[in-house]
C-alpha atoms as a PDB file:
ATOM      1  CA  MET A   1     -18.930 -22.999-157.830  1.00  0.00           C
ATOM      2  CA  ASP A   2     -16.097 -24.506-155.594  1.00  0.00           C
ATOM      3  CA  ARG A   3     -16.275 -27.841-157.241  1.00  0.00           C
ATOM      4  CA  THR A   4     -15.670 -26.197-160.607  1.00  0.00           C
ATOM      5  CA  LYS A   5     -13.010 -24.162-159.233  1.00  0.00           C
ATOM      6  CA  GLU A   6     -11.187 -27.128-157.788  1.00  0.00           C
ATOM      7  CA  PHE A   7     -11.434 -29.028-161.346  1.00  0.00           C
ATOM      8  CA  LEU A   8      -9.991 -25.813-163.168  1.00  0.00           C
ATOM      9  CA  LYS A   9      -7.163 -25.576-160.687  1.00  0.00           C
ATOM     10  CA  LYS A  10      -6.315 -29.312-161.340  1.00  0.00           C
ATOM     11  CA  ILE A  11      -5.984 -28.665-165.014  1.00  0.00           C
ATOM     12  CA  GLY A  12      -3.797 -25.479-164.373  1.00  0.00           C
ATOM     13  CA  ILE A  13      -6.276 -22.597-164.517  1.00  0.00           C
ATOM     14  CA  GLU A  14      -6.379 -20.940-161.377  1.00  0.00           C
ATOM     15  CA  GLU A  15      -8.211 -17.770-159.807  1.00  0.00           C
ATOM     16  CA  THR A  16      -6.003 -14.834-159.471  1.00  0.00           C
ATOM     17  CA  PHE A  17      -5.895 -12.052-156.862  1.00  0.00           C
ATOM     18  CA  SER A  18      -5.365  -8.399-157.061  1.00  0.00           C
ATOM     19  CA  ASP A  19      -1.785  -8.760-155.714  1.00  0.00           C
ATOM     20  CA  PHE A  20      -0.743 -11.083-158.376  1.00  0.00           C
ATOM     21  CA  LYS A  21       2.496 -10.499-160.214  1.00  0.00           C
ATOM     22  CA  SER A  22       4.134 -12.664-162.776  1.00  0.00           C
ATOM     23  CA  SER A  23       7.322 -14.142-162.170  1.00  0.00           C
ATOM     24  CA  LYS A  24       7.798 -15.385-165.668  1.00  0.00           C
ATOM     25  CA  ARG A  25      10.370 -14.037-168.025  1.00  0.00           C
ATOM     26  CA  PHE A  26      11.312 -14.042-171.673  1.00  0.00           C
ATOM     27  CA  ASP A  27      14.466 -16.536-171.948  1.00  0.00           C
ATOM     28  CA  ASP A  28      16.746 -13.522-171.987  1.00  0.00           C
ATOM     29  CA  GLY A  29      15.410 -12.346-168.582  1.00  0.00           C
ATOM     30  CA  GLY A  30      13.312  -9.336-169.954  1.00  0.00           C
ATOM     31  CA  GLN A  31       9.855  -8.702-168.652  1.00  0.00           C
ATOM     32  CA  TYR A  32       8.815  -6.641-171.614  1.00  0.00           C
ATOM     33  CA  ARG A  33       9.337  -5.797-175.249  1.00  0.00           C
ATOM     34  CA  PHE A  34       8.283  -3.279-177.652  1.00  0.00           C
ATOM     35  CA  GLU A  35       6.195  -4.237-180.734  1.00  0.00           C
ATOM     36  CA  VAL A  36       5.052  -1.828-183.450  1.00  0.00           C
ATOM     37  CA  PRO A  37       2.337  -3.439-185.695  1.00  0.00           C
ATOM     38  CA  GLY A  38       0.778  -2.082-188.929  1.00  0.00           C
ATOM     39  CA  ILE A  39       3.950  -1.753-190.770  1.00  0.00           C
ATOM     40  CA  GLN A  40       3.013  -2.637-194.213  1.00  0.00           C
ATOM     41  CA  SER A  41       5.990  -1.868-196.546  1.00  0.00           C
ATOM     42  CA  PRO A  42       9.880  -1.680-196.681  1.00  0.00           C
ATOM     43  CA  ASN A  43       9.973   2.055-196.834  1.00  0.00           C
ATOM     44  CA  THR A  44       7.706   2.530-193.848  1.00  0.00           C
ATOM     45  CA  MET A  45       9.791  -0.077-191.905  1.00  0.00           C
ATOM     46  CA  LYS A  46      12.948   1.706-192.770  1.00  0.00           C
ATOM     47  CA  THR A  47      11.704   4.841-191.584  1.00  0.00           C
ATOM     48  CA  LEU A  48      10.351   3.467-188.273  1.00  0.00           C
ATOM     49  CA  LEU A  49      13.738   1.853-187.502  1.00  0.00           C
ATOM     50  CA  ILE A  50      15.727   5.081-188.536  1.00  0.00           C
ATOM     51  CA  GLU A  51      13.534   6.840-186.169  1.00  0.00           C
ATOM     52  CA  SER A  52      13.872   4.427-183.295  1.00  0.00           C
ATOM     53  CA  ARG A  53      17.677   4.710-183.471  1.00  0.00           C
ATOM     54  CA  LYS A  54      17.494   8.559-183.627  1.00  0.00           C
ATOM     55  CA  HIS A  55      15.348   8.414-180.160  1.00  0.00           C
ATOM     56  CA  ASP A  56      17.597   5.634-178.674  1.00  0.00           C
ATOM     57  CA  VAL A  57      14.452   3.316-178.284  1.00  0.00           C
ATOM     58  CA  PHE A  58      14.815  -0.453-179.392  1.00  0.00           C
ATOM     59  CA  ILE A  59      11.795  -2.061-181.362  1.00  0.00           C
ATOM     60  CA  HIS A  60      12.019  -5.816-180.640  1.00  0.00           C
ATOM     61  CA  ARG A  61       9.276  -6.779-183.122  1.00  0.00           C
ATOM     62  CA  VAL A  62       7.801  -5.190-186.207  1.00  0.00           C
ATOM     63  CA  THR A  63       4.511  -6.745-187.736  1.00  0.00           C
ATOM     64  CA  GLN A  64       2.779  -6.372-190.853  1.00  0.00           C
ATOM     65  CA  THR A  65      -0.840  -6.903-190.838  1.00  0.00           C
ATOM     66  CA  LYS A  66      -2.266  -6.846-194.451  1.00  0.00           C
ATOM     67  CA  GLY A  67      -0.923 -10.198-195.702  1.00  0.00           C
ATOM     68  CA  ILE A  68       2.033 -11.850-197.104  1.00  0.00           C
ATOM     69  CA  MET A  69       0.224 -12.437-200.538  1.00  0.00           C
ATOM     70  CA  LEU A  70       0.196  -8.606-200.753  1.00  0.00           C
ATOM     71  CA  LEU A  71       4.076  -8.096-200.780  1.00  0.00           C
ATOM     72  CA  SER A  72       6.328  -8.958-203.447  1.00  0.00           C
ATOM     73  CA  ASP A  73       9.445 -11.164-202.967  1.00  0.00           C
ATOM     74  CA  ASP A  74      11.650  -8.176-203.185  1.00  0.00           C
ATOM     75  CA  GLU A  75       9.512  -6.247-200.633  1.00  0.00           C
ATOM     76  CA  ILE A  76       9.707  -9.409-198.363  1.00  0.00           C
ATOM     77  CA  MET A  77      13.484  -9.609-198.835  1.00  0.00           C
ATOM     78  CA  SER A  78      13.690  -5.896-198.342  1.00  0.00           C
ATOM     79  CA  MET A  79      11.925  -6.377-194.804  1.00  0.00           C
ATOM     80  CA  VAL A  80      13.864  -9.335-193.879  1.00  0.00           C
ATOM     81  CA  ASN A  81      17.106  -7.498-194.342  1.00  0.00           C
ATOM     82  CA  LEU A  82      16.094  -4.449-192.422  1.00  0.00           C
ATOM     83  CA  ALA A  83      15.068  -6.664-189.661  1.00  0.00           C
ATOM     84  CA  ARG A  84      18.261  -8.754-189.681  1.00  0.00           C
ATOM     85  CA  ASP A  85      20.564  -5.708-189.891  1.00  0.00           C
ATOM     86  CA  TYR A  86      18.640  -3.734-187.032  1.00  0.00           C
ATOM     87  CA  GLY A  87      18.361  -7.232-184.927  1.00  0.00           C
ATOM     88  CA  CYS A  88      14.449  -7.349-184.467  1.00  0.00           C
ATOM     89  CA  GLU A  89      11.818  -9.796-185.034  1.00  0.00           C
ATOM     90  CA  LEU A  90       9.589  -9.496-188.397  1.00  0.00           C
ATOM     91  CA  PHE A  91       6.144 -11.012-188.322  1.00  0.00           C
ATOM     92  CA  LEU A  92       4.223 -11.148-191.638  1.00  0.00           C
ATOM     93  CA  SER A  93       0.519 -11.927-191.455  1.00  0.00           C
ATOM     94  CA  VAL A  94      -1.197 -14.641-193.492  1.00  0.00           C
ATOM     95  CA  GLY A  95      -3.002 -13.167-196.672  1.00  0.00           C
ATOM     96  CA  PRO A  96      -5.925 -15.329-197.750  1.00  0.00           C
ATOM     97  CA  ARG A  97      -8.697 -14.997-194.831  1.00  0.00           C
ATOM     98  CA  ALA A  98     -12.374 -14.433-194.954  1.00  0.00           C
ATOM     99  CA  THR A  99     -12.265 -10.604-195.689  1.00  0.00           C
ATOM    100  CA  TYR A 100     -10.179 -11.225-198.875  1.00  0.00           C
ATOM    101  CA  ASP A 101     -12.311 -14.256-200.005  1.00  0.00           C
ATOM    102  CA  THR A 102     -15.505 -14.241-201.712  1.00  0.00           C
ATOM    103  CA  SER A 103     -17.525 -14.323-198.495  1.00  0.00           C
ATOM    104  CA  ALA A 104     -20.421 -12.253-198.367  1.00  0.00           C
ATOM    105  CA  THR A 105     -21.296 -13.290-194.755  1.00  0.00           C
ATOM    106  CA  VAL A 106     -18.201 -11.689-193.289  1.00  0.00           C
ATOM    107  CA  HIS A 107     -19.306  -8.333-194.534  1.00  0.00           C
ATOM    108  CA  THR A 108     -22.618  -8.664-192.538  1.00  0.00           C
ATOM    109  CA  ALA A 109     -23.085  -7.716-188.730  1.00  0.00           C
ATOM    110  CA  GLU A 110     -23.636 -11.298-187.896  1.00  0.00           C
ATOM    111  CA  GLY A 111     -21.023 -12.644-190.160  1.00  0.00           C
ATOM    112  CA  SER A 112     -18.386 -10.401-189.030  1.00  0.00           C
ATOM    113  CA  ARG A 113     -17.892 -12.577-185.870  1.00  0.00           C
ATOM    114  CA  ILE A 114     -16.110 -15.199-187.865  1.00  0.00           C
ATOM    115  CA  GLY A 115     -13.130 -12.725-188.145  1.00  0.00           C
ATOM    116  CA  TYR A 116     -10.363 -13.363-190.527  1.00  0.00           C
ATOM    117  CA  ARG A 117     -10.464 -17.195-190.423  1.00  0.00           C
ATOM    118  CA  LEU A 118     -10.079 -19.251-193.230  1.00  0.00           C
ATOM    119  CA  ARG A 119     -12.917 -20.888-195.281  1.00  0.00           C
ATOM    120  CA  GLY A 120     -12.621 -24.379-196.715  1.00  0.00           C
ATOM    121  CA  TYR A 121      -9.896 -26.701-197.954  1.00  0.00           C
ATOM    122  CA  ASP A 122      -8.346 -24.424-200.764  1.00  0.00           C
ATOM    123  CA  ASN A 123      -8.000 -21.487-198.646  1.00  0.00           C
ATOM    124  CA  LEU A 124      -6.254 -23.581-195.894  1.00  0.00           C
ATOM    125  CA  VAL A 125      -3.696 -24.762-198.754  1.00  0.00           C
ATOM    126  CA  TYR A 126      -3.377 -21.017-199.830  1.00  0.00           C
ATOM    127  CA  ALA A 127      -2.397 -19.903-196.526  1.00  0.00           C
ATOM    128  CA  ILE A 128      -0.015 -22.552-196.004  1.00  0.00           C
ATOM    129  CA  GLU A 129       1.510 -21.932-199.370  1.00  0.00           C
ATOM    130  CA  ASP A 130       1.600 -17.995-198.100  1.00  0.00           C
ATOM    131  CA  VAL A 131       3.720 -19.098-195.060  1.00  0.00           C
ATOM    132  CA  LYS A 132       5.910 -21.464-196.815  1.00  0.00           C
ATOM    133  CA  ARG A 133       7.002 -18.550-199.225  1.00  0.00           C
ATOM    134  CA  ALA A 134       7.573 -16.019-196.377  1.00  0.00           C
ATOM    135  CA  CYS A 135       9.718 -18.702-194.752  1.00  0.00           C
ATOM    136  CA  GLU A 136      11.588 -19.612-197.702  1.00  0.00           C
ATOM    137  CA  LEU A 137      12.558 -15.803-198.189  1.00  0.00           C
ATOM    138  CA  GLY A 138      13.882 -15.799-194.475  1.00  0.00           C
ATOM    139  CA  VAL A 139      10.908 -14.787-192.226  1.00  0.00           C
ATOM    140  CA  ARG A 140      10.679 -16.523-188.893  1.00  0.00           C
ATOM    141  CA  GLY A 141       7.764 -14.834-187.463  1.00  0.00           C
ATOM    142  CA  ILE A 142       4.035 -15.479-188.755  1.00  0.00           C
ATOM    143  CA  LEU A 143       1.088 -13.781-187.581  1.00  0.00           C
ATOM    144  CA  LEU A 144      -2.073 -16.113-187.800  1.00  0.00           C
ATOM    145  CA  TYR A 145      -5.825 -15.546-187.426  1.00  0.00           C
ATOM    146  CA  ASP A 146      -6.949 -19.245-187.613  1.00  0.00           C
ATOM    147  CA  GLU A 147      -6.821 -21.854-184.986  1.00  0.00           C
ATOM    148  CA  GLY A 148      -6.907 -24.573-187.462  1.00  0.00           C
ATOM    149  CA  LEU A 149      -4.054 -23.033-189.297  1.00  0.00           C
ATOM    150  CA  LEU A 150      -2.090 -22.959-186.272  1.00  0.00           C
ATOM    151  CA  TRP A 151      -2.919 -26.684-185.613  1.00  0.00           C
ATOM    152  CA  THR A 152      -1.618 -27.507-189.158  1.00  0.00           C
ATOM    153  CA  LEU A 153       1.522 -25.300-189.065  1.00  0.00           C
ATOM    154  CA  ASN A 154       2.455 -26.582-185.718  1.00  0.00           C
ATOM    155  CA  LYS A 155       2.376 -30.059-187.180  1.00  0.00           C
ATOM    156  CA  MET A 156       4.550 -29.006-190.155  1.00  0.00           C
ATOM    157  CA  ARG A 157       6.994 -27.229-187.980  1.00  0.00           C
ATOM    158  CA  ALA A 158       7.358 -30.462-185.990  1.00  0.00           C
ATOM    159  CA  GLU A 159       8.073 -32.645-189.111  1.00  0.00           C
ATOM    160  CA  GLY A 160      10.324 -30.065-190.761  1.00  0.00           C
ATOM    161  CA  GLU A 161       8.150 -28.935-193.482  1.00  0.00           C
ATOM    162  CA  ILE A 162       8.639 -25.326-192.342  1.00  0.00           C
ATOM    163  CA  PRO A 163      11.846 -24.059-190.259  1.00  0.00           C
ATOM    164  CA  LYS A 164      11.711 -25.355-186.806  1.00  0.00           C
ATOM    165  CA  ASN A 165      12.570 -21.969-185.426  1.00  0.00           C
ATOM    166  CA  THR A 166       9.447 -20.335-187.019  1.00  0.00           C
ATOM    167  CA  HIS A 167       7.584 -18.510-184.358  1.00  0.00           C
ATOM    168  CA  PHE A 168       3.449 -18.201-184.506  1.00  0.00           C
ATOM    169  CA  LYS A 169       1.647 -15.375-183.130  1.00  0.00           C
ATOM    170  CA  LEU A 170      -2.275 -15.178-183.124  1.00  0.00           C
ATOM    171  CA  SER A 171      -3.981 -11.931-183.598  1.00  0.00           C
ATOM    172  CA  ALA A 172      -6.556 -10.324-181.143  1.00  0.00           C
ATOM    173  CA  HIS A 173      -9.015 -10.467-184.406  1.00  0.00           C
ATOM    174  CA  ALA A 174      -9.130 -14.434-183.434  1.00  0.00           C
ATOM    175  CA  GLY A 175     -11.155 -13.311-180.319  1.00  0.00           C
ATOM    176  CA  HIS A 176      -9.629 -15.191-177.538  1.00  0.00           C
ATOM    177  CA  SER A 177     -10.083 -13.749-174.085  1.00  0.00           C
ATOM    178  CA  ASN A 178      -9.729 -16.483-171.273  1.00  0.00           C
ATOM    179  CA  PRO A 179      -7.177 -18.747-169.738  1.00  0.00           C
ATOM    180  CA  ALA A 180      -8.685 -22.051-171.224  1.00  0.00           C
ATOM    181  CA  ALA A 181      -8.433 -20.754-174.728  1.00  0.00           C
ATOM    182  CA  ALA A 182      -4.899 -19.523-174.222  1.00  0.00           C
ATOM    183  CA  LYS A 183      -3.898 -23.006-172.877  1.00  0.00           C
ATOM    184  CA  LEU A 184      -5.526 -24.827-175.855  1.00  0.00           C
ATOM    185  CA  LEU A 185      -3.538 -22.458-178.142  1.00  0.00           C
ATOM    186  CA  GLU A 186      -0.213 -22.940-176.388  1.00  0.00           C
ATOM    187  CA  GLU A 187      -0.626 -26.680-176.345  1.00  0.00           C
ATOM    188  CA  ASN A 188      -0.958 -26.666-180.133  1.00  0.00           C
ATOM    189  CA  GLY A 189       2.278 -24.639-180.647  1.00  0.00           C
ATOM    190  CA  LEU A 190       1.419 -20.902-180.188  1.00  0.00           C
ATOM    191  CA  ASN A 191       4.512 -18.902-179.287  1.00  0.00           C
ATOM    192  CA  SER A 192       2.749 -15.395-178.552  1.00  0.00           C
ATOM    193  CA  LEU A 193      -1.086 -14.637-177.878  1.00  0.00           C
ATOM    194  CA  ASN A 194      -2.664 -11.261-178.764  1.00  0.00           C
ATOM    195  CA  PRO A 195      -5.961 -11.488-176.696  1.00  0.00           C
ATOM    196  CA  VAL A 196      -8.770  -9.150-177.244  1.00  0.00           C
ATOM    197  CA  ARG A 197      -7.731  -5.438-176.665  1.00  0.00           C
ATOM    198  CA  ASP A 198      -9.912  -4.423-173.818  1.00  0.00           C
ATOM    199  CA  LEU A 199      -9.380  -7.093-171.047  1.00  0.00           C
ATOM    200  CA  GLN A 200      -9.329  -5.895-167.508  1.00  0.00           C
ATOM    201  CA  ILE A 201      -6.047  -6.368-165.649  1.00  0.00           C
ATOM    202  CA  PRO A 202      -7.521  -9.410-163.641  1.00  0.00           C
ATOM    203  CA  MET A 203      -8.285 -11.123-166.815  1.00  0.00           C
ATOM    204  CA  ILE A 204      -4.910 -10.438-168.162  1.00  0.00           C
ATOM    205  CA  ALA A 205      -3.634 -11.970-164.910  1.00  0.00           C
ATOM    206  CA  ALA A 206      -5.634 -15.069-165.173  1.00  0.00           C
ATOM    207  CA  ILE A 207      -4.362 -15.754-168.659  1.00  0.00           C
ATOM    208  CA  ARG A 208      -0.860 -15.322-167.680  1.00  0.00           C
ATOM    209  CA  ASN A 209      -1.149 -17.527-164.812  1.00  0.00           C
ATOM    210  CA  ALA A 210      -2.352 -20.513-166.873  1.00  0.00           C
ATOM    211  CA  VAL A 211       0.437 -20.168-169.731  1.00  0.00           C
ATOM    212  CA  ASP A 212       4.163 -19.720-170.243  1.00  0.00           C
ATOM    213  CA  MET A 213       4.216 -18.214-173.826  1.00  0.00           C
ATOM    214  CA  ALA A 214       4.443 -14.497-174.303  1.00  0.00           C
ATOM    215  CA  ILE A 215       1.288 -12.447-174.321  1.00  0.00           C
ATOM    216  CA  ASP A 216       0.930  -9.347-176.651  1.00  0.00           C
ATOM    217  CA  LEU A 217      -0.968  -6.321-175.144  1.00  0.00           C
ATOM    218  CA  HIS A 218      -2.185  -3.083-177.127  1.00  0.00           C
ATOM    219  CA  THR A 219      -1.221  -0.079-175.280  1.00  0.00           C
ATOM    220  CA  GLU A 220      -3.507   1.875-177.695  1.00  0.00           C
ATOM    221  CA  ASN A 221      -5.943   1.029-180.394  1.00  0.00           C
ATOM    222  CA  PRO A 222      -7.001   2.276-184.033  1.00  0.00           C
ATOM    223  CA  LYS A 223     -10.338   4.071-184.164  1.00  0.00           C
ATOM    224  CA  SER A 224     -11.821   0.895-185.664  1.00  0.00           C
ATOM    225  CA  THR A 225     -11.400  -1.255-182.466  1.00  0.00           C
ATOM    226  CA  GLY A 226     -12.262   1.461-180.003  1.00  0.00           C
ATOM    227  CA  GLY A 227      -9.577   3.886-180.336  1.00  0.00           C
ATOM    228  CA  PHE A 228      -8.802   3.582-176.490  1.00  0.00           C
ATOM    229  CA  ILE A 229      -5.313   4.374-175.050  1.00  0.00           C
ATOM    230  CA  ARG A 230      -4.002   2.344-172.186  1.00  0.00           C
ATOM    231  CA  HIS A 231      -0.654   4.069-171.092  1.00  0.00           C
ATOM    232  CA  TYR A 232      -1.286   4.288-167.638  1.00  0.00           C
ATOM    233  CA  GLU A 233      -1.969   0.568-167.422  1.00  0.00           C
ATOM    234  CA  VAL A 234       1.496  -0.242-168.804  1.00  0.00           C
ATOM    235  CA  PRO A 235       3.043  -0.816-165.347  1.00  0.00           C
ATOM    236  CA  LYS A 236       0.415  -3.095-164.434  1.00  0.00           C
ATOM    237  CA  PHE A 237       0.725  -5.044-167.875  1.00  0.00           C
ATOM    238  CA  ILE A 238       4.170  -5.628-167.055  1.00  0.00           C
ATOM    239  CA  ASP A 239       3.509  -6.702-163.589  1.00  0.00           C
ATOM    240  CA  VAL A 240       0.819  -9.087-164.315  1.00  0.00           C
ATOM    241  CA  ALA A 241       1.628 -10.328-168.032  1.00  0.00           C
ATOM    242  CA  ALA A 242       5.349 -10.623-168.244  1.00  0.00           C
ATOM    243  CA  PRO A 243       6.779 -11.728-170.403  1.00  0.00           C
ATOM    244  CA  VAL A 244       4.790  -9.231-172.484  1.00  0.00           C
ATOM    245  CA  TYR A 245       5.031  -7.403-175.893  1.00  0.00           C
ATOM    246  CA  LEU A 246       3.780  -3.927-175.498  1.00  0.00           C
ATOM    247  CA  LYS A 247       1.979  -3.315-178.922  1.00  0.00           C
ATOM    248  CA  THR A 248       2.395   0.309-179.457  1.00  0.00           C
ATOM    249  CA  GLY A 249       1.347   3.092-182.002  1.00  0.00           C
ATOM    250  CA  GLY A 250      -1.973   1.750-182.922  1.00  0.00           C
ATOM    251  CA  SER A 251      -3.729   5.023-182.233  1.00  0.00           C
ATOM    252  CA  VAL A 252      -1.987   6.380-185.331  1.00  0.00           C
ATOM    253  CA  ALA A 253      -3.963   4.047-187.710  1.00  0.00           C
ATOM    254  CA  ALA A 254      -7.508   4.127-188.468  1.00  0.00           C
ATOM    255  CA  ASN A 255      -7.980   0.428-188.618  1.00  0.00           C
ATOM    256  CA  HIS A 256      -5.988  -2.921-188.644  1.00  0.00           C
ATOM    257  CA  ASN A 257      -4.918  -2.730-192.134  1.00  0.00           C
ATOM    258  CA  TRP A 258      -3.975   0.583-192.371  1.00  0.00           C
ATOM    259  CA  ASP A 259      -1.263   1.479-194.682  1.00  0.00           C
ATOM    260  CA  THR A 260       1.041   3.572-192.378  1.00  0.00           C
ATOM    261  CA  THR A 261       3.013   6.431-194.074  1.00  0.00           C
ATOM    262  CA  GLU A 262       6.466   7.183-193.418  1.00  0.00           C
ATOM    263  CA  LYS A 263       5.178  10.198-191.443  1.00  0.00           C
ATOM    264  CA  GLU A 264       2.887   8.100-189.254  1.00  0.00           C
ATOM    265  CA  ALA A 265       5.933   5.771-188.649  1.00  0.00           C
ATOM    266  CA  LYS A 266       7.559   8.424-187.117  1.00  0.00           C
ATOM    267  CA  ALA A 267       4.217   9.208-184.970  1.00  0.00           C
ATOM    268  CA  ARG A 268       4.140   5.661-183.856  1.00  0.00           C
ATOM    269  CA  ILE A 269       7.796   5.976-182.319  1.00  0.00           C
ATOM    270  CA  LYS A 270       6.354   8.897-180.455  1.00  0.00           C
ATOM    271  CA  GLN A 271       3.968   6.541-179.066  1.00  0.00           C
ATOM    272  CA  VAL A 272       6.517   4.187-178.032  1.00  0.00           C
ATOM    273  CA  LEU A 273       8.308   7.034-176.284  1.00  0.00           C
ATOM    274  CA  LEU A 274       5.225   7.831-174.434  1.00  0.00           C
ATOM    275  CA  VAL A 275       4.961   4.389-173.147  1.00  0.00           C
ATOM    276  CA  LYS A 276       8.654   4.206-172.333  1.00  0.00           C
ATOM    277  CA  ARG A 277       8.336   7.382-170.338  1.00  0.00           C
ATOM    278  CA  MET A 278       5.284   5.787-168.371  1.00  0.00           C
ATOM    279  CA  ILE A 279       7.693   2.760-167.590  1.00  0.00           C
ATOM    280  CA  GLU A 280      10.704   4.870-166.413  1.00  0.00           C
ATOM    281  CA  SER A 281       8.227   6.989-164.266  1.00  0.00           C
ATOM    282  CA  TYR A 282       6.054   4.389-162.674  1.00  0.00           C
ATOM    283  CA  CYS A 283       8.166   1.088-162.680  1.00  0.00           C
ATOM    284  CA  PRO A 284      11.802   2.026-163.532  1.00  0.00           C
ATOM    285  CA  GLU A 285      12.823  -1.322-162.173  1.00  0.00           C
ATOM    286  CA  ALA A 286      10.971  -3.345-164.820  1.00  0.00           C
ATOM    287  CA  ILE A 287      13.616  -5.135-167.155  1.00  0.00           C
ATOM    288  CA  ALA A 288      13.392  -4.836-170.809  1.00  0.00           C
ATOM    289  CA  SER A 289      14.902  -7.477-173.165  1.00  0.00           C
ATOM    290  CA  PRO A 290      18.095  -6.670-174.243  1.00  0.00           C
ATOM    291  CA  ASN A 291      18.583  -5.275-177.668  1.00  0.00           C
ATOM    292  CA  GLN A 292      19.307  -7.766-180.334  1.00  0.00           C
ATOM    293  CA  SER A 293      18.802 -10.643-177.915  1.00  0.00           C
ATOM    294  CA  ASN A 294      19.370 -13.940-179.117  1.00  0.00           C
ATOM    295  CA  ASP A 295      16.082 -15.018-177.864  1.00  0.00           C
ATOM    296  CA  LEU A 296      14.188 -12.983-180.604  1.00  0.00           C
ATOM    297  CA  SER A 297      12.996 -14.805-183.861  1.00  0.00           C
ATOM    298  CA  VAL A 298      15.047 -12.347-186.169  1.00  0.00           C
ATOM    299  CA  PRO A 299      14.951 -13.230-189.802  1.00  0.00           C
ATOM    300  CA  GLU A 300      17.560 -15.698-191.424  1.00  0.00           C
END
C-alpha cells in the first residue's frame, strides 16, 4: 500500500487526516456560498429572491434542474434578468439526457446506473444546441450530467464557440466520489463539482485536497435521494471543502426534477436561514463570499 500511496502523492492525490482544513478560497476571498437548486421557473425564482431579500440572506447561485429544452426563450430571458438584477449566478441544466430519451434501459434497476448521461451522437448534438441556446440568451452557468459533454464543451469554450466566461458544473447524478475523478474533471474544464450526496467528511477532504475548483455539497436532500439532513455538518463542510457552495433547500422537494412551487420557494429560504444559523452559532469566523461579487458567473 505504501508504494501506491507514494505514487498517488506524486500525481497530486494525498491522504488527508482528521485535522485537515482547507486554505483554499474563492477568488473574492470567500469560503462558502449559498446555492438553491430545483428552481424551475421564473415565477418561483422571483419568489425565492424576494423572500431572500426579506430575510436579508444572499443567494449566490440559483440552479434549474429539469432542462433548458423545457423552458421557452421568454422564460429563460426572465430568469436571466432576475439573476442579473439580483446579482446571482443562474445555472440551467442540459435537457436531452437518458431519462428524456427513448431508453428503456435507464428505467430498469440495473440501467438506472447510467444516470442522466447522453446516448449516441444525435443526443450529444442536441445537448450542445441546448447549451448554445442558453448562452445566446445570456446564461453563463451550465449544469452537466455527462463527462463527454464536459470534454466537448470545454473544447468549444477554448475556441470561442461558446462564451469563454461560461462556467460548467457537474451534477451529483454523474456519480463522482473520489479525488482521482475530481482531478480528471477539473483537468477537462470543470469549474464546480457536486460529488455524490452522502460522502463522509474525510472523503470530502480528500477531494478538496486534490483540486482547486469549487465543491458543491448538499446540506439536505430530497426524499428520492435519501432525505437526509446535514445541517450540523455544515461547519465541517466549510472547514474541509472551502471554497464550497452549500446546496440548500433540497428537503422541500420530493425529487431532483421537482417543480418547486412559490410556497415551497419560501420554504427553501427557511432552510437557508437554518443553515445560516448553524454557521453563525458554530463557525462565526467563516467568511461568506460578498453579495454580488465580481467572481460570480452572473448572466450577461
